[in-house]
Amino acid sequence: MSRYYDVEGVGQLPSVTTILSMISKPALYGWYGKHGTAECKRLLNVAEIVGQTVHNAITMKPEKYIEADYREEVTAALECYHQFCEDFKPTFVAYEYQVISKKHRYAGTVDAIAHIQKAHVLIDWKTSSAIYPEYELQVEAYYRAYIEETPDRNLKYLLIVRLSKDTPQSYEIKQLTPNLQRFKAFLGIKQLFDWYETRKDKSHGKS
């Protein structure tokens, strides 16, 4: 689902995840062929509900906490989160921190900014079945927007933390350092996204 941010004085900016949706995922084609469209849509909907519920619980928003039917998956993921906190003892500086790149015209929401072992880090929580390559582009784009707005507050690491929905207290971490080539790859996808948006506008303008 596409998401845009209304930024005062700038207008609507696409989210990082909306831009990255341009990336083709060939493995999904086989998955749809194996399970059928209806079942795959159901599973994707379940994954979205579980992921959002876990994020709401982590950010301590009880008013948004959905009493999901998938309590086992949510509980398992939250136990993974608590185990991560026990192991690394992060001091959270911000949850759901909005970042905006006016220079490159995109926006996004960072799951968390924290101090871990004296390092200032960006954290993105995932409840997916794996850590996919596009996640690296996602956190890199967040980082670049973050330092564009706050150049005096650098981030040492970018952490992708996958919280297992199947195995309580089991989590997977991918630790990255900022990488300009990775950001250039994201900007290449952004350029393709902008081109498609321009084509869409032109086609809608025709009778």
N, C-alpha and C. Protein backbone atom coordinates (compact mmCIF):
# COMPACT_ATOMS: atom_id res chain seq x y z
N MET A 1 0.84 -1.19 0.00
CA MET A 1 0.00 0.00 0.00
C MET A 1 0.88 1.25 0.00
N SER A 2 0.61 2.17 -0.90
CA SER A 2 1.41 3.39 -1.02
C SER A 2 1.13 4.32 0.15
N ARG A 3 2.20 4.99 0.60
CA ARG A 3 2.05 5.94 1.68
C ARG A 3 2.81 7.21 1.34
N TYR A 4 2.18 8.36 1.61
CA TYR A 4 2.79 9.65 1.36
C TYR A 4 2.72 10.49 2.64
N TYR A 5 3.72 11.34 2.82
CA TYR A 5 3.76 12.24 3.96
C TYR A 5 3.47 13.66 3.48
N ASP A 6 2.58 14.36 4.18
CA ASP A 6 2.32 15.76 3.89
C ASP A 6 3.33 16.60 4.67
N VAL A 7 4.23 17.25 3.95
CA VAL A 7 5.29 18.03 4.58
C VAL A 7 5.05 19.51 4.29
N GLU A 8 4.92 20.29 5.34
CA GLU A 8 4.62 21.71 5.21
C GLU A 8 5.69 22.41 4.37
N GLY A 9 5.24 23.16 3.39
CA GLY A 9 6.16 23.91 2.55
C GLY A 9 6.80 23.10 1.44
N VAL A 10 6.53 21.80 1.44
CA VAL A 10 7.14 20.90 0.44
C VAL A 10 6.07 20.19 -0.37
N GLY A 11 5.02 19.76 0.32
CA GLY A 11 3.97 18.98 -0.34
C GLY A 11 4.04 17.53 0.06
N GLN A 12 3.51 16.66 -0.78
CA GLN A 12 3.49 15.23 -0.48
C GLN A 12 4.80 14.57 -0.91
N LEU A 13 5.36 13.80 0.00
CA LEU A 13 6.59 13.05 -0.29
C LEU A 13 6.31 11.56 -0.12
N PRO A 14 6.79 10.74 -1.03
CA PRO A 14 6.58 9.29 -0.90
C PRO A 14 7.40 8.71 0.24
N SER A 15 6.87 7.68 0.84
CA SER A 15 7.61 7.00 1.91
C SER A 15 8.72 6.15 1.31
N VAL A 16 9.70 5.84 2.13
CA VAL A 16 10.81 4.98 1.70
C VAL A 16 10.29 3.62 1.24
N THR A 17 9.36 3.05 2.01
CA THR A 17 8.84 1.72 1.65
C THR A 17 8.03 1.75 0.36
N THR A 18 7.33 2.85 0.12
CA THR A 18 6.60 2.99 -1.14
C THR A 18 7.56 3.02 -2.32
N ILE A 19 8.65 3.75 -2.18
CA ILE A 19 9.67 3.79 -3.23
C ILE A 19 10.26 2.41 -3.47
N LEU A 20 10.57 1.69 -2.39
CA LEU A 20 11.20 0.38 -2.52
C LEU A 20 10.24 -0.69 -3.04
N SER A 21 8.95 -0.39 -3.06
CA SER A 21 8.00 -1.35 -3.62
C SER A 21 8.21 -1.52 -5.12
N MET A 22 9.03 -0.66 -5.72
CA MET A 22 9.37 -0.78 -7.13
C MET A 22 10.22 -2.03 -7.41
N ILE A 23 10.88 -2.54 -6.38
CA ILE A 23 11.77 -3.68 -6.57
C ILE A 23 10.95 -4.94 -6.83
N SER A 24 11.28 -5.62 -7.90
CA SER A 24 10.59 -6.87 -8.24
C SER A 24 11.00 -7.97 -7.26
N LYS A 25 10.04 -8.82 -6.90
CA LYS A 25 10.30 -9.93 -5.98
C LYS A 25 9.89 -11.24 -6.65
N PRO A 26 10.78 -11.81 -7.46
CA PRO A 26 10.45 -13.02 -8.24
C PRO A 26 9.99 -14.19 -7.39
N ALA A 27 10.53 -14.28 -6.15
CA ALA A 27 10.15 -15.42 -5.30
C ALA A 27 8.66 -15.41 -4.98
N LEU A 28 8.06 -14.22 -4.98
CA LEU A 28 6.63 -14.13 -4.69
C LEU A 28 5.78 -14.79 -5.77
N TYR A 29 6.28 -14.77 -7.01
CA TYR A 29 5.51 -15.36 -8.10
C TYR A 29 5.33 -16.86 -7.87
N GLY A 30 6.42 -17.53 -7.48
CA GLY A 30 6.35 -18.96 -7.19
C GLY A 30 5.47 -19.24 -5.99
N TRP A 31 5.55 -18.35 -5.00
CA TRP A 31 4.74 -18.49 -3.78
C TRP A 31 3.26 -18.38 -4.12
N TYR A 32 2.90 -17.40 -4.95
CA TYR A 32 1.50 -17.25 -5.38
C TYR A 32 1.05 -18.46 -6.20
N GLY A 33 1.97 -18.96 -7.05
CA GLY A 33 1.62 -20.12 -7.85
C GLY A 33 1.39 -21.36 -7.02
N LYS A 34 2.12 -21.48 -5.94
CA LYS A 34 2.01 -22.66 -5.07
C LYS A 34 0.76 -22.62 -4.20
N HIS A 35 0.45 -21.46 -3.63
CA HIS A 35 -0.63 -21.36 -2.65
C HIS A 35 -1.92 -20.75 -3.19
N GLY A 36 -1.83 -20.06 -4.33
CA GLY A 36 -3.03 -19.41 -4.87
C GLY A 36 -3.16 -17.98 -4.36
N THR A 37 -3.77 -17.15 -5.17
CA THR A 37 -3.87 -15.73 -4.86
C THR A 37 -4.63 -15.45 -3.56
N ALA A 38 -5.77 -16.11 -3.37
CA ALA A 38 -6.60 -15.85 -2.19
C ALA A 38 -5.86 -16.18 -0.90
N GLU A 39 -5.20 -17.35 -0.87
CA GLU A 39 -4.49 -17.76 0.34
C GLU A 39 -3.29 -16.85 0.60
N CYS A 40 -2.58 -16.47 -0.45
CA CYS A 40 -1.43 -15.59 -0.27
C CYS A 40 -1.85 -14.22 0.26
N LYS A 41 -2.97 -13.70 -0.24
CA LYS A 41 -3.47 -12.43 0.27
C LYS A 41 -3.84 -12.54 1.74
N ARG A 42 -4.44 -13.69 2.10
CA ARG A 42 -4.79 -13.90 3.50
C ARG A 42 -3.54 -13.93 4.38
N LEU A 43 -2.50 -14.63 3.94
CA LEU A 43 -1.26 -14.74 4.71
C LEU A 43 -0.55 -13.39 4.82
N LEU A 44 -0.59 -12.61 3.74
CA LEU A 44 0.01 -11.28 3.78
C LEU A 44 -0.74 -10.36 4.74
N ASN A 45 -2.06 -10.51 4.78
CA ASN A 45 -2.87 -9.71 5.70
C ASN A 45 -2.56 -10.08 7.15
N VAL A 46 -2.41 -11.37 7.40
CA VAL A 46 -2.04 -11.83 8.75
C VAL A 46 -0.68 -11.25 9.14
N ALA A 47 0.28 -11.32 8.22
CA ALA A 47 1.62 -10.81 8.50
C ALA A 47 1.59 -9.32 8.82
N GLU A 48 0.75 -8.58 8.09
CA GLU A 48 0.64 -7.14 8.32
C GLU A 48 0.04 -6.85 9.70
N ILE A 49 -1.00 -7.60 10.07
CA ILE A 49 -1.64 -7.41 11.37
C ILE A 49 -0.66 -7.72 12.50
N VAL A 50 0.04 -8.84 12.37
CA VAL A 50 1.00 -9.24 13.41
C VAL A 50 2.11 -8.19 13.52
N GLY A 51 2.66 -7.77 12.37
CA GLY A 51 3.74 -6.78 12.38
C GLY A 51 3.31 -5.47 13.00
N GLN A 52 2.12 -4.99 12.65
CA GLN A 52 1.64 -3.73 13.20
C GLN A 52 1.35 -3.84 14.69
N THR A 53 0.81 -4.98 15.10
CA THR A 53 0.52 -5.19 16.52
C THR A 53 1.80 -5.18 17.34
N VAL A 54 2.82 -5.85 16.83
CA VAL A 54 4.11 -5.89 17.52
C VAL A 54 4.71 -4.49 17.61
N HIS A 55 4.67 -3.74 16.51
CA HIS A 55 5.20 -2.38 16.53
C HIS A 55 4.45 -1.50 17.52
N ASN A 56 3.13 -1.63 17.57
CA ASN A 56 2.35 -0.83 18.51
C ASN A 56 2.68 -1.18 19.95
N ALA A 57 2.90 -2.46 20.21
CA ALA A 57 3.24 -2.88 21.57
C ALA A 57 4.62 -2.37 21.98
N ILE A 58 5.58 -2.43 21.05
CA ILE A 58 6.94 -1.96 21.34
C ILE A 58 6.95 -0.47 21.62
N THR A 59 6.19 0.30 20.85
CA THR A 59 6.17 1.75 21.03
C THR A 59 5.22 2.19 22.14
N MET A 60 4.68 1.21 22.85
CA MET A 60 3.86 1.48 24.03
C MET A 60 2.67 2.38 23.71
N LYS A 61 1.88 1.96 22.74
CA LYS A 61 0.67 2.68 22.36
C LYS A 61 -0.53 1.78 22.63
N PRO A 62 -0.93 1.68 23.87
CA PRO A 62 -2.03 0.76 24.19
C PRO A 62 -3.32 1.06 23.45
N GLU A 63 -3.52 2.34 23.10
CA GLU A 63 -4.76 2.68 22.40
C GLU A 63 -4.76 2.14 20.97
N LYS A 64 -3.58 1.79 20.46
CA LYS A 64 -3.48 1.25 19.11
C LYS A 64 -3.20 -0.25 19.12
N TYR A 65 -3.08 -0.81 20.30
CA TYR A 65 -2.74 -2.23 20.40
C TYR A 65 -3.96 -3.07 20.01
N ILE A 66 -3.82 -3.80 18.92
CA ILE A 66 -4.92 -4.61 18.42
C ILE A 66 -4.93 -5.95 19.15
N GLU A 67 -6.06 -6.35 19.65
CA GLU A 67 -6.17 -7.67 20.27
C GLU A 67 -6.32 -8.68 19.14
N ALA A 68 -5.20 -9.05 18.57
CA ALA A 68 -5.20 -9.87 17.35
C ALA A 68 -5.58 -11.32 17.65
N ASP A 69 -6.08 -11.97 16.61
CA ASP A 69 -6.37 -13.40 16.72
C ASP A 69 -5.10 -14.23 16.68
N TYR A 70 -4.00 -13.59 16.27
CA TYR A 70 -2.74 -14.31 16.08
C TYR A 70 -1.82 -14.08 17.28
N ARG A 71 -2.38 -14.36 18.47
CA ARG A 71 -1.70 -14.04 19.72
C ARG A 71 -0.38 -14.77 19.89
N GLU A 72 -0.30 -16.01 19.41
CA GLU A 72 0.94 -16.78 19.57
C GLU A 72 2.09 -16.12 18.81
N GLU A 73 1.82 -15.69 17.56
CA GLU A 73 2.88 -15.05 16.78
C GLU A 73 3.30 -13.73 17.40
N VAL A 74 2.32 -12.94 17.85
CA VAL A 74 2.63 -11.65 18.47
C VAL A 74 3.43 -11.85 19.76
N THR A 75 3.01 -12.79 20.58
CA THR A 75 3.69 -13.06 21.85
C THR A 75 5.12 -13.51 21.61
N ALA A 76 5.32 -14.39 20.62
CA ALA A 76 6.66 -14.87 20.31
C ALA A 76 7.57 -13.73 19.89
N ALA A 77 7.06 -12.84 19.02
CA ALA A 77 7.86 -11.72 18.54
C ALA A 77 8.21 -10.76 19.68
N LEU A 78 7.25 -10.53 20.56
CA LEU A 78 7.51 -9.62 21.69
C LEU A 78 8.51 -10.22 22.67
N GLU A 79 8.47 -11.54 22.83
CA GLU A 79 9.48 -12.19 23.67
C GLU A 79 10.87 -12.04 23.06
N CYS A 80 10.94 -12.06 21.74
CA CYS A 80 12.22 -11.83 21.05
C CYS A 80 12.71 -10.40 21.31
N TYR A 81 11.78 -9.47 21.27
CA TYR A 81 12.12 -8.06 21.54
C TYR A 81 12.67 -7.90 22.95
N HIS A 82 11.99 -8.50 23.92
CA HIS A 82 12.44 -8.39 25.31
C HIS A 82 13.80 -9.07 25.51
N GLN A 83 14.04 -10.16 24.78
CA GLN A 83 15.33 -10.83 24.88
C GLN A 83 16.44 -9.94 24.30
N PHE A 84 16.12 -9.28 23.18
CA PHE A 84 17.08 -8.33 22.58
C PHE A 84 17.42 -7.23 23.59
N CYS A 85 16.41 -6.67 24.25
CA CYS A 85 16.63 -5.62 25.23
C CYS A 85 17.45 -6.12 26.41
N GLU A 86 17.20 -7.36 26.82
CA GLU A 86 17.96 -7.95 27.92
C GLU A 86 19.42 -8.14 27.53
N ASP A 87 19.65 -8.54 26.29
CA ASP A 87 21.02 -8.82 25.83
C ASP A 87 21.82 -7.55 25.58
N PHE A 88 21.19 -6.52 25.02
CA PHE A 88 21.93 -5.33 24.60
C PHE A 88 21.68 -4.10 25.46
N LYS A 89 20.63 -4.14 26.28
CA LYS A 89 20.30 -3.05 27.20
C LYS A 89 20.32 -1.67 26.51
N PRO A 90 19.52 -1.51 25.48
CA PRO A 90 19.48 -0.22 24.79
C PRO A 90 18.78 0.85 25.62
N THR A 91 19.23 2.07 25.46
CA THR A 91 18.53 3.23 26.01
C THR A 91 17.85 3.92 24.84
N PHE A 92 16.53 3.84 24.80
CA PHE A 92 15.81 4.37 23.66
C PHE A 92 15.67 5.89 23.76
N VAL A 93 16.06 6.55 22.68
CA VAL A 93 15.99 8.01 22.60
C VAL A 93 14.68 8.44 21.96
N ALA A 94 14.23 7.67 20.97
CA ALA A 94 12.99 8.02 20.26
C ALA A 94 12.39 6.77 19.64
N TYR A 95 11.05 6.75 19.60
CA TYR A 95 10.30 5.72 18.88
C TYR A 95 9.57 6.40 17.71
N GLU A 96 9.45 5.66 16.61
CA GLU A 96 8.71 6.16 15.44
C GLU A 96 9.11 7.60 15.12
N TYR A 97 10.37 7.76 14.84
CA TYR A 97 10.95 9.08 14.57
C TYR A 97 10.84 9.39 13.08
N GLN A 98 10.10 10.44 12.76
CA GLN A 98 9.88 10.78 11.35
C GLN A 98 11.09 11.50 10.78
N VAL A 99 11.54 11.05 9.62
CA VAL A 99 12.67 11.69 8.93
C VAL A 99 12.21 12.17 7.56
N ILE A 100 12.76 13.29 7.13
CA ILE A 100 12.38 13.90 5.86
C ILE A 100 13.64 14.32 5.11
N SER A 101 13.72 13.94 3.86
CA SER A 101 14.78 14.44 2.98
C SER A 101 14.14 15.39 1.98
N LYS A 102 14.32 16.67 2.23
CA LYS A 102 13.81 17.67 1.28
C LYS A 102 14.69 17.68 0.03
N LYS A 103 15.96 17.36 0.22
CA LYS A 103 16.89 17.36 -0.91
C LYS A 103 16.52 16.30 -1.94
N HIS A 104 16.19 15.09 -1.46
CA HIS A 104 15.89 13.98 -2.37
C HIS A 104 14.40 13.66 -2.44
N ARG A 105 13.60 14.40 -1.70
CA ARG A 105 12.14 14.32 -1.76
C ARG A 105 11.60 12.93 -1.41
N TYR A 106 11.82 12.54 -0.18
CA TYR A 106 11.20 11.34 0.36
C TYR A 106 11.13 11.49 1.88
N ALA A 107 10.36 10.62 2.50
CA ALA A 107 10.21 10.66 3.96
C ALA A 107 10.03 9.24 4.49
N GLY A 108 10.08 9.11 5.79
CA GLY A 108 9.90 7.79 6.39
C GLY A 108 9.82 7.89 7.89
N THR A 109 9.59 6.74 8.52
CA THR A 109 9.50 6.69 9.97
C THR A 109 10.45 5.62 10.49
N VAL A 110 11.42 6.06 11.27
CA VAL A 110 12.39 5.16 11.89
C VAL A 110 11.74 4.51 13.11
N ASP A 111 11.85 3.20 13.23
CA ASP A 111 11.22 2.53 14.37
C ASP A 111 11.79 3.01 15.70
N ALA A 112 13.12 3.14 15.77
CA ALA A 112 13.72 3.56 17.05
C ALA A 112 15.12 4.12 16.83
N ILE A 113 15.46 5.08 17.68
CA ILE A 113 16.83 5.58 17.82
C ILE A 113 17.25 5.25 19.24
N ALA A 114 18.44 4.68 19.40
CA ALA A 114 18.84 4.23 20.73
C ALA A 114 20.35 4.36 20.93
N HIS A 115 20.74 4.32 22.21
CA HIS A 115 22.16 4.20 22.57
C HIS A 115 22.39 2.75 22.99
N ILE A 116 23.36 2.12 22.33
CA ILE A 116 23.74 0.75 22.70
C ILE A 116 25.26 0.71 22.83
N GLN A 117 25.72 0.37 24.02
CA GLN A 117 27.16 0.29 24.28
C GLN A 117 27.87 1.56 23.80
N LYS A 118 27.33 2.69 24.20
CA LYS A 118 27.88 4.02 23.92
C LYS A 118 27.80 4.44 22.46
N ALA A 119 27.14 3.65 21.63
CA ALA A 119 26.98 4.01 20.22
C ALA A 119 25.55 4.48 19.97
N HIS A 120 25.42 5.48 19.11
CA HIS A 120 24.12 6.02 18.72
C HIS A 120 23.67 5.22 17.49
N VAL A 121 22.56 4.50 17.59
CA VAL A 121 22.17 3.58 16.51
C VAL A 121 20.72 3.80 16.08
N LEU A 122 20.46 3.42 14.83
CA LEU A 122 19.12 3.41 14.25
C LEU A 122 18.64 1.96 14.22
N ILE A 123 17.40 1.72 14.63
CA ILE A 123 16.88 0.36 14.68
C ILE A 123 15.60 0.25 13.86
N ASP A 124 15.53 -0.81 13.07
CA ASP A 124 14.30 -1.11 12.33
C ASP A 124 13.87 -2.53 12.70
N TRP A 125 12.68 -2.65 13.29
CA TRP A 125 12.16 -3.96 13.69
C TRP A 125 11.48 -4.64 12.50
N LYS A 126 11.71 -5.92 12.37
CA LYS A 126 11.05 -6.70 11.33
C LYS A 126 10.44 -7.96 11.94
N THR A 127 9.29 -8.36 11.41
CA THR A 127 8.67 -9.63 11.83
C THR A 127 8.53 -10.55 10.62
N SER A 128 9.30 -10.29 9.60
CA SER A 128 9.27 -11.10 8.38
C SER A 128 9.99 -12.43 8.61
N SER A 129 9.93 -13.32 7.63
CA SER A 129 10.56 -14.64 7.77
C SER A 129 12.05 -14.60 7.49
N ALA A 130 12.55 -13.46 6.98
CA ALA A 130 13.98 -13.32 6.70
C ALA A 130 14.32 -11.84 6.64
N ILE A 131 15.62 -11.53 6.65
CA ILE A 131 16.08 -10.16 6.44
C ILE A 131 16.41 -10.03 4.96
N TYR A 132 15.59 -9.28 4.24
CA TYR A 132 15.73 -9.19 2.80
C TYR A 132 16.65 -8.03 2.41
N PRO A 133 17.29 -8.13 1.22
CA PRO A 133 18.26 -7.10 0.81
C PRO A 133 17.71 -5.68 0.79
N GLU A 134 16.44 -5.53 0.41
CA GLU A 134 15.88 -4.17 0.32
C GLU A 134 15.79 -3.49 1.69
N TYR A 135 15.83 -4.28 2.77
CA TYR A 135 15.82 -3.68 4.11
C TYR A 135 17.07 -2.83 4.32
N GLU A 136 18.17 -3.25 3.71
CA GLU A 136 19.42 -2.48 3.84
C GLU A 136 19.26 -1.11 3.19
N LEU A 137 18.59 -1.08 2.04
CA LEU A 137 18.34 0.20 1.38
C LEU A 137 17.40 1.07 2.21
N GLN A 138 16.45 0.43 2.86
CA GLN A 138 15.48 1.15 3.69
C GLN A 138 16.16 1.90 4.83
N VAL A 139 16.99 1.19 5.60
CA VAL A 139 17.64 1.85 6.74
C VAL A 139 18.68 2.87 6.29
N GLU A 140 19.31 2.62 5.14
CA GLU A 140 20.27 3.59 4.60
C GLU A 140 19.55 4.90 4.24
N ALA A 141 18.38 4.77 3.60
CA ALA A 141 17.61 5.97 3.25
C ALA A 141 17.18 6.72 4.50
N TYR A 142 16.76 6.00 5.54
CA TYR A 142 16.41 6.64 6.81
C TYR A 142 17.61 7.41 7.37
N TYR A 143 18.75 6.74 7.36
CA TYR A 143 19.97 7.36 7.91
C TYR A 143 20.29 8.66 7.18
N ARG A 144 20.23 8.64 5.85
CA ARG A 144 20.59 9.83 5.07
C ARG A 144 19.63 10.99 5.34
N ALA A 145 18.35 10.68 5.48
CA ALA A 145 17.38 11.72 5.80
C ALA A 145 17.62 12.25 7.22
N TYR A 146 17.98 11.35 8.12
CA TYR A 146 18.23 11.74 9.52
C TYR A 146 19.39 12.72 9.61
N ILE A 147 20.51 12.42 8.95
CA ILE A 147 21.68 13.31 9.06
C ILE A 147 21.50 14.59 8.23
N GLU A 148 20.60 14.54 7.25
CA GLU A 148 20.29 15.77 6.50
C GLU A 148 19.62 16.77 7.43
N GLU A 149 18.77 16.27 8.33
CA GLU A 149 18.05 17.14 9.27
C GLU A 149 18.88 17.46 10.51
N THR A 150 19.67 16.50 10.95
CA THR A 150 20.46 16.67 12.18
C THR A 150 21.91 16.27 11.93
N PRO A 151 22.66 17.06 11.16
CA PRO A 151 24.03 16.69 10.80
C PRO A 151 24.99 16.58 11.98
N ASP A 152 24.61 17.19 13.11
CA ASP A 152 25.49 17.14 14.28
C ASP A 152 25.26 15.89 15.13
N ARG A 153 24.27 15.06 14.76
CA ARG A 153 23.98 13.86 15.55
C ARG A 153 24.09 12.63 14.65
N ASN A 154 25.32 12.19 14.46
CA ASN A 154 25.56 11.06 13.57
C ASN A 154 25.16 9.75 14.22
N LEU A 155 24.93 8.75 13.39
CA LEU A 155 24.58 7.42 13.85
C LEU A 155 25.70 6.47 13.48
N LYS A 156 26.16 5.69 14.43
CA LYS A 156 27.29 4.80 14.17
C LYS A 156 26.88 3.55 13.42
N TYR A 157 25.74 2.97 13.84
CA TYR A 157 25.29 1.72 13.23
C TYR A 157 23.83 1.82 12.81
N LEU A 158 23.48 1.00 11.83
CA LEU A 158 22.10 0.80 11.41
C LEU A 158 21.77 -0.65 11.69
N LEU A 159 20.79 -0.89 12.53
CA LEU A 159 20.45 -2.26 12.92
C LEU A 159 19.10 -2.68 12.35
N ILE A 160 19.11 -3.81 11.68
CA ILE A 160 17.86 -4.46 11.28
C ILE A 160 17.69 -5.64 12.22
N VAL A 161 16.62 -5.64 12.98
CA VAL A 161 16.40 -6.68 13.99
C VAL A 161 15.14 -7.45 13.63
N ARG A 162 15.32 -8.71 13.27
CA ARG A 162 14.16 -9.55 12.92
C ARG A 162 13.72 -10.31 14.16
N LEU A 163 12.47 -10.09 14.54
CA LEU A 163 11.87 -10.74 15.70
C LEU A 163 11.07 -11.94 15.21
N SER A 164 11.47 -13.13 15.61
CA SER A 164 10.83 -14.34 15.12
C SER A 164 9.40 -14.47 15.64
N LYS A 165 8.49 -14.84 14.75
CA LYS A 165 7.10 -15.08 15.14
C LYS A 165 6.88 -16.55 15.50
N ASP A 166 7.91 -17.36 15.29
CA ASP A 166 7.78 -18.81 15.51
C ASP A 166 8.56 -19.31 16.71
N THR A 167 9.69 -18.65 17.01
CA THR A 167 10.57 -19.11 18.08
C THR A 167 10.76 -18.02 19.11
N PRO A 168 10.11 -18.11 20.27
CA PRO A 168 10.26 -17.09 21.31
C PRO A 168 11.72 -16.92 21.72
N GLN A 169 12.10 -15.67 22.00
CA GLN A 169 13.43 -15.29 22.47
C GLN A 169 14.50 -15.48 21.40
N SER A 170 14.08 -15.70 20.16
CA SER A 170 15.03 -15.85 19.07
C SER A 170 14.92 -14.65 18.14
N TYR A 171 16.03 -13.98 17.92
CA TYR A 171 16.03 -12.84 17.01
C TYR A 171 17.29 -12.88 16.15
N GLU A 172 17.22 -12.15 15.05
CA GLU A 172 18.33 -12.08 14.10
C GLU A 172 18.68 -10.62 13.89
N ILE A 173 19.97 -10.31 13.87
CA ILE A 173 20.41 -8.92 13.72
C ILE A 173 21.31 -8.79 12.49
N LYS A 174 21.09 -7.75 11.73
CA LYS A 174 22.02 -7.35 10.68
C LYS A 174 22.51 -5.97 11.05
N GLN A 175 23.80 -5.87 11.32
CA GLN A 175 24.40 -4.59 11.69
C GLN A 175 25.13 -4.01 10.49
N LEU A 176 24.77 -2.77 10.15
CA LEU A 176 25.36 -2.11 9.00
C LEU A 176 26.00 -0.79 9.43
N THR A 177 27.01 -0.38 8.69
CA THR A 177 27.53 0.97 8.82
C THR A 177 27.08 1.74 7.58
N PRO A 178 26.88 3.04 7.70
CA PRO A 178 26.43 3.82 6.55
C PRO A 178 27.33 3.61 5.33
N ASN A 179 26.72 3.53 4.16
CA ASN A 179 27.45 3.20 2.94
C ASN A 179 26.89 4.03 1.79
N LEU A 180 27.74 4.85 1.19
CA LEU A 180 27.28 5.75 0.13
C LEU A 180 26.79 4.99 -1.10
N GLN A 181 27.45 3.87 -1.44
CA GLN A 181 27.02 3.10 -2.60
C GLN A 181 25.62 2.53 -2.40
N ARG A 182 25.32 2.16 -1.17
CA ARG A 182 23.99 1.65 -0.86
C ARG A 182 22.95 2.76 -1.06
N PHE A 183 23.30 3.97 -0.65
CA PHE A 183 22.37 5.09 -0.82
C PHE A 183 22.20 5.42 -2.29
N LYS A 184 23.26 5.32 -3.07
CA LYS A 184 23.15 5.57 -4.50
C LYS A 184 22.21 4.55 -5.16
N ALA A 185 22.24 3.33 -4.66
CA ALA A 185 21.31 2.31 -5.18
C ALA A 185 19.87 2.71 -4.87
N PHE A 186 19.64 3.20 -3.65
CA PHE A 186 18.29 3.66 -3.29
C PHE A 186 17.86 4.81 -4.19
N LEU A 187 18.76 5.76 -4.44
CA LEU A 187 18.41 6.90 -5.27
C LEU A 187 18.11 6.48 -6.71
N GLY A 188 18.77 5.41 -7.17
CA GLY A 188 18.45 4.88 -8.49
C GLY A 188 17.02 4.38 -8.56
N ILE A 189 16.58 3.70 -7.50
CA ILE A 189 15.20 3.21 -7.43
C ILE A 189 14.24 4.40 -7.30
N LYS A 190 14.64 5.41 -6.56
CA LYS A 190 13.83 6.62 -6.42
C LYS A 190 13.65 7.30 -7.78
N GLN A 191 14.70 7.32 -8.58
CA GLN A 191 14.61 7.91 -9.91
C GLN A 191 13.61 7.15 -10.78
N LEU A 192 13.65 5.82 -10.70
CA LEU A 192 12.69 5.01 -11.45
C LEU A 192 11.28 5.26 -10.95
N PHE A 193 11.11 5.34 -9.63
CA PHE A 193 9.81 5.63 -9.02
C PHE A 193 9.26 6.96 -9.53
N ASP A 194 10.11 8.00 -9.55
CA ASP A 194 9.68 9.32 -10.01
C ASP A 194 9.25 9.27 -11.48
N TRP A 195 9.98 8.51 -12.27
CA TRP A 195 9.65 8.39 -13.70
C TRP A 195 8.27 7.77 -13.87
N TYR A 196 8.00 6.70 -13.12
CA TYR A 196 6.69 6.06 -13.19
C TYR A 196 5.58 7.00 -12.74
N GLU A 197 5.85 7.76 -11.69
CA GLU A 197 4.85 8.71 -11.21
C GLU A 197 4.55 9.78 -12.25
N THR A 198 5.58 10.23 -12.96
CA THR A 198 5.40 11.22 -14.02
C THR A 198 4.57 10.64 -15.16
N ARG A 199 4.86 9.39 -15.53
CA ARG A 199 4.11 8.73 -16.60
C ARG A 199 2.64 8.55 -16.19
N LYS A 200 2.44 8.22 -14.92
CA LYS A 200 1.08 8.03 -14.42
C LYS A 200 0.28 9.33 -14.51
N ASP A 201 0.93 10.43 -14.11
CA ASP A 201 0.26 11.74 -14.17
C ASP A 201 -0.10 12.11 -15.60
N LYS A 202 0.81 11.83 -16.52
CA LYS A 202 0.56 12.16 -17.93
C LYS A 202 -0.58 11.34 -18.50
N SER A 203 -0.60 10.04 -18.16
CA SER A 203 -1.65 9.17 -18.68
C SER A 203 -3.01 9.56 -18.14
N HIS A 204 -3.05 10.00 -16.86
CA HIS A 204 -4.32 10.42 -16.28
C HIS A 204 -4.81 11.73 -16.89
N GLY A 205 -3.89 12.49 -17.45
CA GLY A 205 -4.28 13.76 -18.04
C GLY A 205 -4.83 13.64 -19.44
N LYS A 206 -4.73 12.42 -19.99
CA LYS A 206 -5.21 12.22 -21.36
C LYS A 206 -6.61 11.65 -21.34
N SER A 207 -7.36 11.96 -22.37
CA SER A 207 -8.72 11.42 -22.51
C SER A 207 -8.68 10.07 -23.19
